[in-house]
Amino acid sequence: MIENILEWFPEDELLFAEGFDDAVIGIEEASMRIIYSCSKCIDILIERDGMTEEEAMEFFDYNVSTAYVGEKTPIWCIDYL
């Protein structure tokens, strides 16, 4: 997915969340912000870091999705409800 986005928008400044490449689900063109699947991010934390689902959700909620890194801060799509 990232390769496709970079191919379509080679000149744009994009901000990716390190370690969550497989969780990218798209881009919001008006703001040029990358969109991530929260459930895929949690799955990555479980598989990559050996966290339980509860640990991964807590870590993601407190350390990833709430981080503000400027106007290009990624969009987190809540898809695990």
C-alpha atoms as a PDB file:
ATOM      1  CA  MET A   1       0.000   0.000   0.000  1.00  0.00           C
ATOM      2  CA  ILE A   2       2.779   2.452   0.912  1.00  0.00           C
ATOM      3  CA  GLU A   3       4.503   1.880  -2.424  1.00  0.00           C
ATOM      4  CA  ASN A   4       1.258   2.757  -4.231  1.00  0.00           C
ATOM      5  CA  ILE A   5       0.781   5.922  -2.200  1.00  0.00           C
ATOM      6  CA  LEU A   6       4.364   7.039  -2.816  1.00  0.00           C
ATOM      7  CA  GLU A   7       3.941   6.305  -6.526  1.00  0.00           C
ATOM      8  CA  TRP A   8       0.734   8.367  -6.750  1.00  0.00           C
ATOM      9  CA  PHE A   9       2.005  11.229  -4.588  1.00  0.00           C
ATOM     10  CA  PRO A  10       5.781  11.409  -5.161  1.00  0.00           C
ATOM     11  CA  GLU A  11       6.070  15.152  -4.523  1.00  0.00           C
ATOM     12  CA  ASP A  12       4.003  15.307  -1.336  1.00  0.00           C
ATOM     13  CA  GLU A  13       5.281  15.397   2.222  1.00  0.00           C
ATOM     14  CA  LEU A  14       3.805  12.371   3.948  1.00  0.00           C
ATOM     15  CA  LEU A  15       4.240  11.213   7.533  1.00  0.00           C
ATOM     16  CA  PHE A  16       4.257   7.488   8.246  1.00  0.00           C
ATOM     17  CA  ALA A  17       4.117   5.860  11.680  1.00  0.00           C
ATOM     18  CA  GLU A  18       7.277   3.805  12.070  1.00  0.00           C
ATOM     19  CA  GLY A  19       6.670   0.079  12.394  1.00  0.00           C
ATOM     20  CA  PHE A  20       3.083   0.103  11.159  1.00  0.00           C
ATOM     21  CA  ASP A  21       3.519  -0.058   7.380  1.00  0.00           C
ATOM     22  CA  ASP A  22       1.226  -3.091   7.071  1.00  0.00           C
ATOM     23  CA  ALA A  23      -1.586  -1.158   8.783  1.00  0.00           C
ATOM     24  CA  VAL A  24      -1.815   1.620   6.151  1.00  0.00           C
ATOM     25  CA  ILE A  25      -5.250   1.572   4.524  1.00  0.00           C
ATOM     26  CA  GLY A  26      -5.192   4.799   2.538  1.00  0.00           C
ATOM     27  CA  ILE A  27      -4.624   8.517   2.358  1.00  0.00           C
ATOM     28  CA  GLU A  28      -6.883  11.495   3.005  1.00  0.00           C
ATOM     29  CA  GLU A  29      -6.186  13.638  -0.052  1.00  0.00           C
ATOM     30  CA  ALA A  30      -7.413  17.006   1.235  1.00  0.00           C
ATOM     31  CA  SER A  31      -4.904  17.026   4.092  1.00  0.00           C
ATOM     32  CA  MET A  32      -2.451  14.470   2.641  1.00  0.00           C
ATOM     33  CA  ARG A  33      -2.556  12.465   5.858  1.00  0.00           C
ATOM     34  CA  ILE A  34      -1.951   8.723   5.932  1.00  0.00           C
ATOM     35  CA  ILE A  35      -4.811   6.576   7.274  1.00  0.00           C
ATOM     36  CA  TYR A  36      -4.080   3.569   9.460  1.00  0.00           C
ATOM     37  CA  SER A  37      -6.316   0.711  10.586  1.00  0.00           C
ATOM     38  CA  CYS A  38      -6.304   0.622  14.391  1.00  0.00           C
ATOM     39  CA  SER A  39      -7.103  -3.096  14.444  1.00  0.00           C
ATOM     40  CA  LYS A  40      -4.179  -3.841  12.114  1.00  0.00           C
ATOM     41  CA  CYS A  41      -1.873  -1.754  14.333  1.00  0.00           C
ATOM     42  CA  ILE A  42      -2.997  -3.745  17.365  1.00  0.00           C
ATOM     43  CA  ASP A  43      -2.428  -7.000  15.472  1.00  0.00           C
ATOM     44  CA  ILE A  44       1.102  -5.828  14.653  1.00  0.00           C
ATOM     45  CA  LEU A  45       1.808  -5.110  18.324  1.00  0.00           C
ATOM     46  CA  ILE A  46       0.529  -8.559  19.290  1.00  0.00           C
ATOM     47  CA  GLU A  47       2.501 -10.408  16.626  1.00  0.00           C
ATOM     48  CA  ARG A  48       5.682  -8.324  16.528  1.00  0.00           C
ATOM     49  CA  ASP A  49       6.041  -7.412  20.182  1.00  0.00           C
ATOM     50  CA  GLY A  50       4.371 -10.401  21.818  1.00  0.00           C
ATOM     51  CA  MET A  51       1.768  -8.316  23.630  1.00  0.00           C
ATOM     52  CA  THR A  52      -1.594  -9.625  24.727  1.00  0.00           C
ATOM     53  CA  GLU A  53      -4.591  -8.026  23.041  1.00  0.00           C
ATOM     54  CA  GLU A  54      -5.278  -5.954  26.150  1.00  0.00           C
ATOM     55  CA  GLU A  55      -1.643  -4.799  26.386  1.00  0.00           C
ATOM     56  CA  ALA A  56      -1.577  -3.944  22.686  1.00  0.00           C
ATOM     57  CA  MET A  57      -4.802  -1.931  22.891  1.00  0.00           C
ATOM     58  CA  GLU A  58      -3.579  -0.029  25.944  1.00  0.00           C
ATOM     59  CA  PHE A  59      -0.161   0.650  24.411  1.00  0.00           C
ATOM     60  CA  PHE A  60      -1.731   1.764  21.124  1.00  0.00           C
ATOM     61  CA  ASP A  61      -4.276   4.022  22.831  1.00  0.00           C
ATOM     62  CA  TYR A  62      -1.723   5.760  25.069  1.00  0.00           C
ATOM     63  CA  ASN A  63       1.435   5.798  22.962  1.00  0.00           C
ATOM     64  CA  VAL A  64       0.473   5.727  19.294  1.00  0.00           C
ATOM     65  CA  SER A  65      -2.968   7.061  18.448  1.00  0.00           C
ATOM     66  CA  THR A  66      -2.797  10.028  20.820  1.00  0.00           C
ATOM     67  CA  ALA A  67       0.604  11.262  19.643  1.00  0.00           C
ATOM     68  CA  TYR A  68       0.397  14.595  17.837  1.00  0.00           C
ATOM     69  CA  VAL A  69       3.300  15.178  15.471  1.00  0.00           C
ATOM     70  CA  GLY A  70       2.065  18.197  13.575  1.00  0.00           C
ATOM     71  CA  GLU A  71      -0.407  18.856  10.812  1.00  0.00           C
ATOM     72  CA  LYS A  72       0.541  15.626   9.020  1.00  0.00           C
ATOM     73  CA  THR A  73      -0.258  13.449  12.054  1.00  0.00           C
ATOM     74  CA  PRO A  74      -1.754  10.227  10.688  1.00  0.00           C
ATOM     75  CA  ILE A  75      -5.449   9.466  10.853  1.00  0.00           C
ATOM     76  CA  TRP A  76      -6.349   6.421  12.944  1.00  0.00           C
ATOM     77  CA  CYS A  77      -9.406   4.559  11.638  1.00  0.00           C
ATOM     78  CA  ILE A  78     -11.170   2.817  14.527  1.00  0.00           C
ATOM     79  CA  ASP A  79     -12.255  -0.465  13.003  1.00  0.00           C
ATOM     80  CA  TYR A  80     -12.227  -2.773  16.023  1.00  0.00           C
ATOM     81  CA  LEU A  81     -15.507  -1.839  17.727  1.00  0.00           C
END
